[in-house]
Amino acid sequence: ILPDKGSMEQLHHLLQVIAEQGLIDGLAAFGRLGFDTLLVLLLGGILM
């Protein structure tokens, strides 16, 4: 439904940031990713 929000590539990028730059930068990246990911999961959960 929301193809431009919270893609698997974004999740993969987040994991790379955590692995390469550390947990603090990873948490900052997750903060940017968090709302979109939650929105996608919430919409999918409601529709399911």
ModelCIF file with pLDDT and N, C-alpha, C, O atoms, coordinates in Angstrom:
data_MODEL
#
_entry.id   MODEL 
#
_entity.id                         1 
_entity.type                       polymer 
_entity.pdbx_number_of_molecules   1 
#
_entity_poly.entity_id                      1 
_entity_poly.type                           'polypeptide(L)' 
_entity_poly.nstd_linkage                   no 
_entity_poly.nstd_monomer                   no 
_entity_poly.pdbx_seq_one_letter_code       ILPDKGSMEQLHHLLQVIAEQGLIDGLAAFGRLGFDTLLVLLLGGILM 
_entity_poly.pdbx_seq_one_letter_code_can   ILPDKGSMEQLHHLLQVIAEQGLIDGLAAFGRLGFDTLLVLLLGGILM 
_entity_poly.pdbx_strand_id                 A 
#
loop_
_entity_poly_seq.entity_id 
_entity_poly_seq.num 
_entity_poly_seq.mon_id 
_entity_poly_seq.hetero 
1 1  ILE n 
1 2  LEU n 
1 3  PRO n 
1 4  ASP n 
1 5  LYS n 
1 6  GLY n 
1 7  SER n 
1 8  MET n 
1 9  GLU n 
1 10 GLN n 
1 11 LEU n 
1 12 HIS n 
1 13 HIS n 
1 14 LEU n 
1 15 LEU n 
1 16 GLN n 
1 17 VAL n 
1 18 ILE n 
1 19 ALA n 
1 20 GLU n 
1 21 GLN n 
1 22 GLY n 
1 23 LEU n 
1 24 ILE n 
1 25 ASP n 
1 26 GLY n 
1 27 LEU n 
1 28 ALA n 
1 29 ALA n 
1 30 PHE n 
1 31 GLY n 
1 32 ARG n 
1 33 LEU n 
1 34 GLY n 
1 35 PHE n 
1 36 ASP n 
1 37 THR n 
1 38 LEU n 
1 39 LEU n 
1 40 VAL n 
1 41 LEU n 
1 42 LEU n 
1 43 LEU n 
1 44 GLY n 
1 45 GLY n 
1 46 ILE n 
1 47 LEU n 
1 48 MET n 
#
_struct_asym.id          A 
_struct_asym.entity_id   1 
#
loop_
_ma_qa_metric.id 
_ma_qa_metric.mode 
_ma_qa_metric.name 
_ma_qa_metric.software_group_id 
_ma_qa_metric.type 
1 global pLDDT . pLDDT 
2 local  pLDDT . pLDDT 
#
_ma_qa_metric_global.metric_id      1 
_ma_qa_metric_global.metric_value   71.94 
_ma_qa_metric_global.model_id       1 
_ma_qa_metric_global.ordinal_id     1 
#
loop_
_ma_qa_metric_local.label_asym_id 
_ma_qa_metric_local.label_comp_id 
_ma_qa_metric_local.label_seq_id 
_ma_qa_metric_local.metric_id 
_ma_qa_metric_local.metric_value 
_ma_qa_metric_local.model_id 
_ma_qa_metric_local.ordinal_id 
A ILE 1  2 91.00 1 1  
A LEU 2  2 87.00 1 2  
A PRO 3  2 84.00 1 3  
A ASP 4  2 77.00 1 4  
A LYS 5  2 74.00 1 5  
A GLY 6  2 66.00 1 6  
A SER 7  2 64.00 1 7  
A MET 8  2 67.00 1 8  
A GLU 9  2 68.00 1 9  
A GLN 10 2 63.00 1 10 
A LEU 11 2 56.00 1 11 
A HIS 12 2 60.00 1 12 
A HIS 13 2 65.00 1 13 
A LEU 14 2 57.00 1 14 
A LEU 15 2 56.00 1 15 
A GLN 16 2 69.00 1 16 
A VAL 17 2 67.00 1 17 
A ILE 18 2 58.00 1 18 
A ALA 19 2 66.00 1 19 
A GLU 20 2 76.00 1 20 
A GLN 21 2 73.00 1 21 
A GLY 22 2 65.00 1 22 
A LEU 23 2 54.00 1 23 
A ILE 24 2 65.00 1 24 
A ASP 25 2 67.00 1 25 
A GLY 26 2 57.00 1 26 
A LEU 27 2 56.00 1 27 
A ALA 28 2 69.00 1 28 
A ALA 29 2 63.00 1 29 
A PHE 30 2 55.00 1 30 
A GLY 31 2 61.00 1 31 
A ARG 32 2 64.00 1 32 
A LEU 33 2 60.00 1 33 
A GLY 34 2 66.00 1 34 
A PHE 35 2 74.00 1 35 
A ASP 36 2 76.00 1 36 
A THR 37 2 77.00 1 37 
A LEU 38 2 77.00 1 38 
A LEU 39 2 86.00 1 39 
A VAL 40 2 86.00 1 40 
A LEU 41 2 81.00 1 41 
A LEU 42 2 87.00 1 42 
A LEU 43 2 93.00 1 43 
A GLY 44 2 92.00 1 44 
A GLY 45 2 92.00 1 45 
A ILE 46 2 95.00 1 46 
A LEU 47 2 96.00 1 47 
A MET 48 2 95.00 1 48 
#
loop_
_atom_site.group_PDB 
_atom_site.id 
_atom_site.type_symbol 
_atom_site.label_atom_id 
_atom_site.label_alt_id 
_atom_site.label_comp_id 
_atom_site.label_asym_id 
_atom_site.label_entity_id 
_atom_site.label_seq_id 
_atom_site.pdbx_PDB_ins_code 
_atom_site.Cartn_x 
_atom_site.Cartn_y 
_atom_site.Cartn_z 
_atom_site.occupancy 
_atom_site.B_iso_or_equiv 
_atom_site.pdbx_formal_charge 
_atom_site.auth_seq_id 
_atom_site.auth_comp_id 
_atom_site.auth_asym_id 
_atom_site.auth_atom_id 
_atom_site.pdbx_PDB_model_num 
ATOM 1   N N  . ILE A 1 1  ? 0.832  -1.210 0.000  1.00 91.00 ? 1  ILE A N  1 
ATOM 2   C CA . ILE A 1 1  ? 0.000  0.000  0.000  1.00 91.00 ? 1  ILE A CA 1 
ATOM 3   C C  . ILE A 1 1  ? 0.865  1.258  0.000  1.00 91.00 ? 1  ILE A C  1 
ATOM 4   O O  . ILE A 1 1  ? 0.568  2.227  -0.698 1.00 91.00 ? 1  ILE A O  1 
ATOM 5   N N  . LEU A 1 2  ? 1.929  1.230  0.784  1.00 87.00 ? 2  LEU A N  1 
ATOM 6   C CA . LEU A 1 2  ? 2.857  2.371  0.884  1.00 87.00 ? 2  LEU A CA 1 
ATOM 7   C C  . LEU A 1 2  ? 4.249  1.935  0.401  1.00 87.00 ? 2  LEU A C  1 
ATOM 8   O O  . LEU A 1 2  ? 5.143  1.723  1.220  1.00 87.00 ? 2  LEU A O  1 
ATOM 9   N N  . PRO A 1 3  ? 4.439  1.800  -0.910 1.00 84.00 ? 3  PRO A N  1 
ATOM 10  C CA . PRO A 1 3  ? 5.719  1.252  -1.393 1.00 84.00 ? 3  PRO A CA 1 
ATOM 11  C C  . PRO A 1 3  ? 6.924  2.158  -1.150 1.00 84.00 ? 3  PRO A C  1 
ATOM 12  O O  . PRO A 1 3  ? 8.056  1.674  -1.117 1.00 84.00 ? 3  PRO A O  1 
ATOM 13  N N  . ASP A 1 4  ? 6.707  3.441  -0.981 1.00 77.00 ? 4  ASP A N  1 
ATOM 14  C CA . ASP A 1 4  ? 7.837  4.351  -0.788 1.00 77.00 ? 4  ASP A CA 1 
ATOM 15  C C  . ASP A 1 4  ? 8.211  4.540  0.681  1.00 77.00 ? 4  ASP A C  1 
ATOM 16  O O  . ASP A 1 4  ? 9.148  5.277  0.990  1.00 77.00 ? 4  ASP A O  1 
ATOM 17  N N  . LYS A 1 5  ? 7.498  3.890  1.575  1.00 74.00 ? 5  LYS A N  1 
ATOM 18  C CA . LYS A 1 5  ? 7.767  4.020  3.009  1.00 74.00 ? 5  LYS A CA 1 
ATOM 19  C C  . LYS A 1 5  ? 8.383  2.741  3.548  1.00 74.00 ? 5  LYS A C  1 
ATOM 20  O O  . LYS A 1 5  ? 7.888  1.651  3.260  1.00 74.00 ? 5  LYS A O  1 
ATOM 21  N N  . GLY A 1 6  ? 9.420  2.849  4.301  1.00 66.00 ? 6  GLY A N  1 
ATOM 22  C CA . GLY A 1 6  ? 9.984  1.728  5.035  1.00 66.00 ? 6  GLY A CA 1 
ATOM 23  C C  . GLY A 1 6  ? 10.272 0.483  4.219  1.00 66.00 ? 6  GLY A C  1 
ATOM 24  O O  . GLY A 1 6  ? 9.746  -0.585 4.532  1.00 66.00 ? 6  GLY A O  1 
ATOM 25  N N  . SER A 1 7  ? 11.078 0.585  3.198  1.00 64.00 ? 7  SER A N  1 
ATOM 26  C CA . SER A 1 7  ? 11.364 -0.575 2.356  1.00 64.00 ? 7  SER A CA 1 
ATOM 27  C C  . SER A 1 7  ? 12.385 -1.493 3.018  1.00 64.00 ? 7  SER A C  1 
ATOM 28  O O  . SER A 1 7  ? 13.035 -1.115 3.993  1.00 64.00 ? 7  SER A O  1 
ATOM 29  N N  . MET A 1 8  ? 12.518 -2.694 2.481  1.00 67.00 ? 8  MET A N  1 
ATOM 30  C CA . MET A 1 8  ? 13.508 -3.652 2.978  1.00 67.00 ? 8  MET A CA 1 
ATOM 31  C C  . MET A 1 8  ? 14.921 -3.103 2.777  1.00 67.00 ? 8  MET A C  1 
ATOM 32  O O  . MET A 1 8  ? 15.821 -3.374 3.573  1.00 67.00 ? 8  MET A O  1 
ATOM 33  N N  . GLU A 1 9  ? 15.101 -2.345 1.725  1.00 68.00 ? 9  GLU A N  1 
ATOM 34  C CA . GLU A 1 9  ? 16.412 -1.738 1.487  1.00 68.00 ? 9  GLU A CA 1 
ATOM 35  C C  . GLU A 1 9  ? 16.770 -0.769 2.615  1.00 68.00 ? 9  GLU A C  1 
ATOM 36  O O  . GLU A 1 9  ? 17.926 -0.682 3.027  1.00 68.00 ? 9  GLU A O  1 
ATOM 37  N N  . GLN A 1 10 ? 15.768 -0.045 3.107  1.00 63.00 ? 10 GLN A N  1 
ATOM 38  C CA . GLN A 1 10 ? 16.016 0.867  4.230  1.00 63.00 ? 10 GLN A CA 1 
ATOM 39  C C  . GLN A 1 10 ? 16.420 0.082  5.476  1.00 63.00 ? 10 GLN A C  1 
ATOM 40  O O  . GLN A 1 10 ? 17.318 0.492  6.210  1.00 63.00 ? 10 GLN A O  1 
ATOM 41  N N  . LEU A 1 11 ? 15.764 -1.029 5.705  1.00 56.00 ? 11 LEU A N  1 
ATOM 42  C CA . LEU A 1 11 ? 16.142 -1.862 6.851  1.00 56.00 ? 11 LEU A CA 1 
ATOM 43  C C  . LEU A 1 11 ? 17.552 -2.415 6.682  1.00 56.00 ? 11 LEU A C  1 
ATOM 44  O O  . LEU A 1 11 ? 18.331 -2.444 7.635  1.00 56.00 ? 11 LEU A O  1 
ATOM 45  N N  . HIS A 1 12 ? 17.875 -2.850 5.474  1.00 60.00 ? 12 HIS A N  1 
ATOM 46  C CA . HIS A 1 12 ? 19.217 -3.360 5.199  1.00 60.00 ? 12 HIS A CA 1 
ATOM 47  C C  . HIS A 1 12 ? 20.257 -2.253 5.403  1.00 60.00 ? 12 HIS A C  1 
ATOM 48  O O  . HIS A 1 12 ? 21.327 -2.500 5.959  1.00 60.00 ? 12 HIS A O  1 
ATOM 49  N N  . HIS A 1 13 ? 19.940 -1.030 4.952  1.00 65.00 ? 13 HIS A N  1 
ATOM 50  C CA . HIS A 1 13 ? 20.844 0.106  5.143  1.00 65.00 ? 13 HIS A CA 1 
ATOM 51  C C  . HIS A 1 13 ? 21.048 0.393  6.630  1.00 65.00 ? 13 HIS A C  1 
ATOM 52  O O  . HIS A 1 13 ? 22.161 0.686  7.065  1.00 65.00 ? 13 HIS A O  1 
ATOM 53  N N  . LEU A 1 14 ? 19.986 0.307  7.391  1.00 57.00 ? 14 LEU A N  1 
ATOM 54  C CA . LEU A 1 14 ? 20.082 0.527  8.836  1.00 57.00 ? 14 LEU A CA 1 
ATOM 55  C C  . LEU A 1 14 ? 21.050 -0.470 9.469  1.00 57.00 ? 14 LEU A C  1 
ATOM 56  O O  . LEU A 1 14 ? 21.888 -0.093 10.288 1.00 57.00 ? 14 LEU A O  1 
ATOM 57  N N  . LEU A 1 15 ? 20.935 -1.727 9.092  1.00 56.00 ? 15 LEU A N  1 
ATOM 58  C CA . LEU A 1 15 ? 21.835 -2.746 9.637  1.00 56.00 ? 15 LEU A CA 1 
ATOM 59  C C  . LEU A 1 15 ? 23.284 -2.482 9.236  1.00 56.00 ? 15 LEU A C  1 
ATOM 60  O O  . LEU A 1 15 ? 24.199 -2.715 10.025 1.00 56.00 ? 15 LEU A O  1 
ATOM 61  N N  . GLN A 1 16 ? 23.495 -2.001 8.023  1.00 69.00 ? 16 GLN A N  1 
ATOM 62  C CA . GLN A 1 16 ? 24.851 -1.647 7.585  1.00 69.00 ? 16 GLN A CA 1 
ATOM 63  C C  . GLN A 1 16 ? 25.405 -0.478 8.393  1.00 69.00 ? 16 GLN A C  1 
ATOM 64  O O  . GLN A 1 16 ? 26.576 -0.488 8.772  1.00 69.00 ? 16 GLN A O  1 
ATOM 65  N N  . VAL A 1 17 ? 24.568 0.534  8.659  1.00 67.00 ? 17 VAL A N  1 
ATOM 66  C CA . VAL A 1 17 ? 25.002 1.695  9.445  1.00 67.00 ? 17 VAL A CA 1 
ATOM 67  C C  . VAL A 1 17 ? 25.416 1.246  10.843 1.00 67.00 ? 17 VAL A C  1 
ATOM 68  O O  . VAL A 1 17 ? 26.437 1.689  11.367 1.00 67.00 ? 17 VAL A O  1 
ATOM 69  N N  . ILE A 1 18 ? 24.627 0.374  11.438 1.00 58.00 ? 18 ILE A N  1 
ATOM 70  C CA . ILE A 1 18 ? 24.959 -0.127 12.778 1.00 58.00 ? 18 ILE A CA 1 
ATOM 71  C C  . ILE A 1 18 ? 26.272 -0.896 12.741 1.00 58.00 ? 18 ILE A C  1 
ATOM 72  O O  . ILE A 1 18 ? 27.113 -0.728 13.624 1.00 58.00 ? 18 ILE A O  1 
ATOM 73  N N  . ALA A 1 19 ? 26.457 -1.742 11.723 1.00 66.00 ? 19 ALA A N  1 
ATOM 74  C CA . ALA A 1 19 ? 27.674 -2.555 11.635 1.00 66.00 ? 19 ALA A CA 1 
ATOM 75  C C  . ALA A 1 19 ? 28.906 -1.704 11.358 1.00 66.00 ? 19 ALA A C  1 
ATOM 76  O O  . ALA A 1 19 ? 29.967 -1.948 11.934 1.00 66.00 ? 19 ALA A O  1 
ATOM 77  N N  . GLU A 1 20 ? 28.781 -0.716 10.492 1.00 76.00 ? 20 GLU A N  1 
ATOM 78  C CA . GLU A 1 20 ? 29.946 0.058  10.072 1.00 76.00 ? 20 GLU A CA 1 
ATOM 79  C C  . GLU A 1 20 ? 30.240 1.253  10.974 1.00 76.00 ? 20 GLU A C  1 
ATOM 80  O O  . GLU A 1 20 ? 31.404 1.533  11.257 1.00 76.00 ? 20 GLU A O  1 
ATOM 81  N N  . GLN A 1 21 ? 29.210 1.960  11.428 1.00 73.00 ? 21 GLN A N  1 
ATOM 82  C CA . GLN A 1 21 ? 29.427 3.212  12.144 1.00 73.00 ? 21 GLN A CA 1 
ATOM 83  C C  . GLN A 1 21 ? 29.143 3.122  13.638 1.00 73.00 ? 21 GLN A C  1 
ATOM 84  O O  . GLN A 1 21 ? 29.460 4.052  14.379 1.00 73.00 ? 21 GLN A O  1 
ATOM 85  N N  . GLY A 1 22 ? 28.567 2.047  14.082 1.00 65.00 ? 22 GLY A N  1 
ATOM 86  C CA . GLY A 1 22 ? 28.332 1.885  15.513 1.00 65.00 ? 22 GLY A CA 1 
ATOM 87  C C  . GLY A 1 22 ? 26.874 2.055  15.888 1.00 65.00 ? 22 GLY A C  1 
ATOM 88  O O  . GLY A 1 22 ? 26.036 2.462  15.083 1.00 65.00 ? 22 GLY A O  1 
ATOM 89  N N  . LEU A 1 23 ? 26.607 1.729  17.129 1.00 54.00 ? 23 LEU A N  1 
ATOM 90  C CA . LEU A 1 23 ? 25.234 1.709  17.626 1.00 54.00 ? 23 LEU A CA 1 
ATOM 91  C C  . LEU A 1 23 ? 24.617 3.100  17.717 1.00 54.00 ? 23 LEU A C  1 
ATOM 92  O O  . LEU A 1 23 ? 23.432 3.266  17.429 1.00 54.00 ? 23 LEU A O  1 
ATOM 93  N N  . ILE A 1 24 ? 25.398 4.100  18.112 1.00 65.00 ? 24 ILE A N  1 
ATOM 94  C CA . ILE A 1 24 ? 24.843 5.455  18.267 1.00 65.00 ? 24 ILE A CA 1 
ATOM 95  C C  . ILE A 1 24 ? 24.345 5.979  16.925 1.00 65.00 ? 24 ILE A C  1 
ATOM 96  O O  . ILE A 1 24 ? 23.226 6.484  16.831 1.00 65.00 ? 24 ILE A O  1 
ATOM 97  N N  . ASP A 1 25 ? 25.172 5.863  15.883 1.00 67.00 ? 25 ASP A N  1 
ATOM 98  C CA . ASP A 1 25 ? 24.732 6.291  14.555 1.00 67.00 ? 25 ASP A CA 1 
ATOM 99  C C  . ASP A 1 25 ? 23.585 5.416  14.058 1.00 67.00 ? 25 ASP A C  1 
ATOM 100 O O  . ASP A 1 25 ? 22.688 5.892  13.362 1.00 67.00 ? 25 ASP A O  1 
ATOM 101 N N  . GLY A 1 26 ? 23.620 4.145  14.416 1.00 57.00 ? 26 GLY A N  1 
ATOM 102 C CA . GLY A 1 26 ? 22.535 3.243  14.034 1.00 57.00 ? 26 GLY A CA 1 
ATOM 103 C C  . GLY A 1 26 ? 21.219 3.636  14.680 1.00 57.00 ? 26 GLY A C  1 
ATOM 104 O O  . GLY A 1 26 ? 20.170 3.575  14.038 1.00 57.00 ? 26 GLY A O  1 
ATOM 105 N N  . LEU A 1 27 ? 21.263 4.044  15.959 1.00 56.00 ? 27 LEU A N  1 
ATOM 106 C CA . LEU A 1 27 ? 20.036 4.492  16.624 1.00 56.00 ? 27 LEU A CA 1 
ATOM 107 C C  . LEU A 1 27 ? 19.503 5.774  15.988 1.00 56.00 ? 27 LEU A C  1 
ATOM 108 O O  . LEU A 1 27 ? 18.292 5.958  15.868 1.00 56.00 ? 27 LEU A O  1 
ATOM 109 N N  . ALA A 1 28 ? 20.409 6.651  15.584 1.00 69.00 ? 28 ALA A N  1 
ATOM 110 C CA . ALA A 1 28 ? 19.979 7.866  14.884 1.00 69.00 ? 28 ALA A CA 1 
ATOM 111 C C  . ALA A 1 28 ? 19.327 7.501  13.548 1.00 69.00 ? 28 ALA A C  1 
ATOM 112 O O  . ALA A 1 28 ? 18.312 8.088  13.172 1.00 69.00 ? 28 ALA A O  1 
ATOM 113 N N  . ALA A 1 29 ? 19.907 6.536  12.833 1.00 63.00 ? 29 ALA A N  1 
ATOM 114 C CA . ALA A 1 29 ? 19.323 6.093  11.562 1.00 63.00 ? 29 ALA A CA 1 
ATOM 115 C C  . ALA A 1 29 ? 17.970 5.424  11.811 1.00 63.00 ? 29 ALA A C  1 
ATOM 116 O O  . ALA A 1 29 ? 17.042 5.595  11.021 1.00 63.00 ? 29 ALA A O  1 
ATOM 117 N N  . PHE A 1 30 ? 17.855 4.664  12.900 1.00 55.00 ? 30 PHE A N  1 
ATOM 118 C CA . PHE A 1 30 ? 16.583 4.022  13.227 1.00 55.00 ? 30 PHE A CA 1 
ATOM 119 C C  . PHE A 1 30 ? 15.526 5.066  13.562 1.00 55.00 ? 30 PHE A C  1 
ATOM 120 O O  . PHE A 1 30 ? 14.355 4.891  13.226 1.00 55.00 ? 30 PHE A O  1 
ATOM 121 N N  . GLY A 1 31 ? 15.925 6.144  14.218 1.00 61.00 ? 31 GLY A N  1 
ATOM 122 C CA . GLY A 1 31 ? 14.990 7.225  14.518 1.00 61.00 ? 31 GLY A CA 1 
ATOM 123 C C  . GLY A 1 31 ? 14.412 7.826  13.259 1.00 61.00 ? 31 GLY A C  1 
ATOM 124 O O  . GLY A 1 31 ? 13.236 8.189  13.220 1.00 61.00 ? 31 GLY A O  1 
ATOM 125 N N  . ARG A 1 32 ? 15.234 7.934  12.226 1.00 64.00 ? 32 ARG A N  1 
ATOM 126 C CA . ARG A 1 32 ? 14.746 8.442  10.947 1.00 64.00 ? 32 ARG A CA 1 
ATOM 127 C C  . ARG A 1 32 ? 13.873 7.405  10.247 1.00 64.00 ? 32 ARG A C  1 
ATOM 128 O O  . ARG A 1 32 ? 12.927 7.755  9.542  1.00 64.00 ? 32 ARG A O  1 
ATOM 129 N N  . LEU A 1 33 ? 14.191 6.151  10.442 1.00 60.00 ? 33 LEU A N  1 
ATOM 130 C CA . LEU A 1 33 ? 13.473 5.067  9.796  1.00 60.00 ? 33 LEU A CA 1 
ATOM 131 C C  . LEU A 1 33 ? 12.228 4.668  10.577 1.00 60.00 ? 33 LEU A C  1 
ATOM 132 O O  . LEU A 1 33 ? 11.279 4.137  9.999  1.00 60.00 ? 33 LEU A O  1 
ATOM 133 N N  . GLY A 1 34 ? 12.220 4.914  11.857 1.00 66.00 ? 34 GLY A N  1 
ATOM 134 C CA . GLY A 1 34 ? 11.209 4.380  12.753 1.00 66.00 ? 34 GLY A CA 1 
ATOM 135 C C  . GLY A 1 34 ? 9.767  4.674  12.393 1.00 66.00 ? 34 GLY A C  1 
ATOM 136 O O  . GLY A 1 34 ? 8.953  3.751  12.365 1.00 66.00 ? 34 GLY A O  1 
ATOM 137 N N  . PHE A 1 35 ? 9.417  5.916  12.117 1.00 74.00 ? 35 PHE A N  1 
ATOM 138 C CA . PHE A 1 35 ? 8.032  6.261  11.863 1.00 74.00 ? 35 PHE A CA 1 
ATOM 139 C C  . PHE A 1 35 ? 7.519  5.594  10.590 1.00 74.00 ? 35 PHE A C  1 
ATOM 140 O O  . PHE A 1 35 ? 6.413  5.053  10.571 1.00 74.00 ? 35 PHE A O  1 
ATOM 141 N N  . ASP A 1 36 ? 8.321  5.632  9.531  1.00 76.00 ? 36 ASP A N  1 
ATOM 142 C CA . ASP A 1 36 ? 7.901  5.008  8.277  1.00 76.00 ? 36 ASP A CA 1 
ATOM 143 C C  . ASP A 1 36 ? 7.705  3.505  8.456  1.00 76.00 ? 36 ASP A C  1 
ATOM 144 O O  . ASP A 1 36 ? 6.722  2.941  7.975  1.00 76.00 ? 36 ASP A O  1 
ATOM 145 N N  . THR A 1 37 ? 8.632  2.868  9.142  1.00 77.00 ? 37 THR A N  1 
ATOM 146 C CA . THR A 1 37 ? 8.530  1.431  9.367  1.00 77.00 ? 37 THR A CA 1 
ATOM 147 C C  . THR A 1 37 ? 7.299  1.109  10.211 1.00 77.00 ? 37 THR A C  1 
ATOM 148 O O  . THR A 1 37 ? 6.553  0.180  9.900  1.00 77.00 ? 37 THR A O  1 
ATOM 149 N N  . LEU A 1 38 ? 7.091  1.869  11.265 1.00 77.00 ? 38 LEU A N  1 
ATOM 150 C CA . LEU A 1 38 ? 5.917  1.649  12.109 1.00 77.00 ? 38 LEU A CA 1 
ATOM 151 C C  . LEU A 1 38 ? 4.631  1.892  11.328 1.00 77.00 ? 38 LEU A C  1 
ATOM 152 O O  . LEU A 1 38 ? 3.656  1.160  11.496 1.00 77.00 ? 38 LEU A O  1 
ATOM 153 N N  . LEU A 1 39 ? 4.622  2.907  10.482 1.00 86.00 ? 39 LEU A N  1 
ATOM 154 C CA . LEU A 1 39 ? 3.448  3.200  9.673  1.00 86.00 ? 39 LEU A CA 1 
ATOM 155 C C  . LEU A 1 39 ? 3.120  2.046  8.731  1.00 86.00 ? 39 LEU A C  1 
ATOM 156 O O  . LEU A 1 39 ? 1.957  1.666  8.594  1.00 86.00 ? 39 LEU A O  1 
ATOM 157 N N  . VAL A 1 40 ? 4.143  1.486  8.080  1.00 86.00 ? 40 VAL A N  1 
ATOM 158 C CA . VAL A 1 40 ? 3.939  0.355  7.174  1.00 86.00 ? 40 VAL A CA 1 
ATOM 159 C C  . VAL A 1 40 ? 3.414  -0.854 7.960  1.00 86.00 ? 40 VAL A C  1 
ATOM 160 O O  . VAL A 1 40 ? 2.456  -1.498 7.533  1.00 86.00 ? 40 VAL A O  1 
ATOM 161 N N  . LEU A 1 41 ? 4.030  -1.161 9.097  1.00 81.00 ? 41 LEU A N  1 
ATOM 162 C CA . LEU A 1 41 ? 3.588  -2.299 9.910  1.00 81.00 ? 41 LEU A CA 1 
ATOM 163 C C  . LEU A 1 41 ? 2.176  -2.082 10.469 1.00 81.00 ? 41 LEU A C  1 
ATOM 164 O O  . LEU A 1 41 ? 1.363  -3.006 10.497 1.00 81.00 ? 41 LEU A O  1 
ATOM 165 N N  . LEU A 1 42 ? 1.902  -0.876 10.903 1.00 87.00 ? 42 LEU A N  1 
ATOM 166 C CA . LEU A 1 42 ? 0.585  -0.574 11.468 1.00 87.00 ? 42 LEU A CA 1 
ATOM 167 C C  . LEU A 1 42 ? -0.502 -0.688 10.404 1.00 87.00 ? 42 LEU A C  1 
ATOM 168 O O  . LEU A 1 42 ? -1.553 -1.278 10.653 1.00 87.00 ? 42 LEU A O  1 
ATOM 169 N N  . LEU A 1 43 ? -0.258 -0.134 9.233  1.00 93.00 ? 43 LEU A N  1 
ATOM 170 C CA . LEU A 1 43 ? -1.238 -0.231 8.156  1.00 93.00 ? 43 LEU A CA 1 
ATOM 171 C C  . LEU A 1 43 ? -1.443 -1.689 7.746  1.00 93.00 ? 43 LEU A C  1 
ATOM 172 O O  . LEU A 1 43 ? -2.577 -2.128 7.556  1.00 93.00 ? 43 LEU A O  1 
ATOM 173 N N  . GLY A 1 44 ? -0.363 -2.428 7.613  1.00 92.00 ? 44 GLY A N  1 
ATOM 174 C CA . GLY A 1 44 ? -0.471 -3.849 7.278  1.00 92.00 ? 44 GLY A CA 1 
ATOM 175 C C  . GLY A 1 44 ? -1.209 -4.623 8.355  1.00 92.00 ? 44 GLY A C  1 
ATOM 176 O O  . GLY A 1 44 ? -2.022 -5.495 8.049  1.00 92.00 ? 44 GLY A O  1 
ATOM 177 N N  . GLY A 1 45 ? -0.929 -4.308 9.622  1.00 92.00 ? 45 GLY A N  1 
ATOM 178 C CA . GLY A 1 45 ? -1.620 -4.972 10.727 1.00 92.00 ? 45 GLY A CA 1 
ATOM 179 C C  . GLY A 1 45 ? -3.104 -4.660 10.749 1.00 92.00 ? 45 GLY A C  1 
ATOM 180 O O  . GLY A 1 45 ? -3.920 -5.539 11.026 1.00 92.00 ? 45 GLY A O  1 
ATOM 181 N N  . ILE A 1 46 ? -3.461 -3.419 10.462 1.00 95.00 ? 46 ILE A N  1 
ATOM 182 C CA . ILE A 1 46 ? -4.880 -3.040 10.423 1.00 95.00 ? 46 ILE A CA 1 
ATOM 183 C C  . ILE A 1 46 ? -5.580 -3.758 9.275  1.00 95.00 ? 46 ILE A C  1 
ATOM 184 O O  . ILE A 1 46 ? -6.662 -4.318 9.448  1.00 95.00 ? 46 ILE A O  1 
ATOM 185 N N  . LEU A 1 47 ? -4.947 -3.737 8.095  1.00 96.00 ? 47 LEU A N  1 
ATOM 186 C CA . LEU A 1 47 ? -5.559 -4.393 6.932  1.00 96.00 ? 47 LEU A CA 1 
ATOM 187 C C  . LEU A 1 47 ? -5.651 -5.908 7.102  1.00 96.00 ? 47 LEU A C  1 
ATOM 188 O O  . LEU A 1 47 ? -6.531 -6.547 6.526  1.00 96.00 ? 47 LEU A O  1 
ATOM 189 N N  . MET A 1 48 ? -4.767 -6.468 7.874  1.00 95.00 ? 48 MET A N  1 
ATOM 190 C CA . MET A 1 48 ? -4.820 -7.900 8.163  1.00 95.00 ? 48 MET A CA 1 
ATOM 191 C C  . MET A 1 48 ? -5.785 -8.170 9.322  1.00 95.00 ? 48 MET A C  1 
ATOM 192 O O  . MET A 1 48 ? -5.969 -9.321 9.718  1.00 95.00 ? 48 MET A O  1 
#
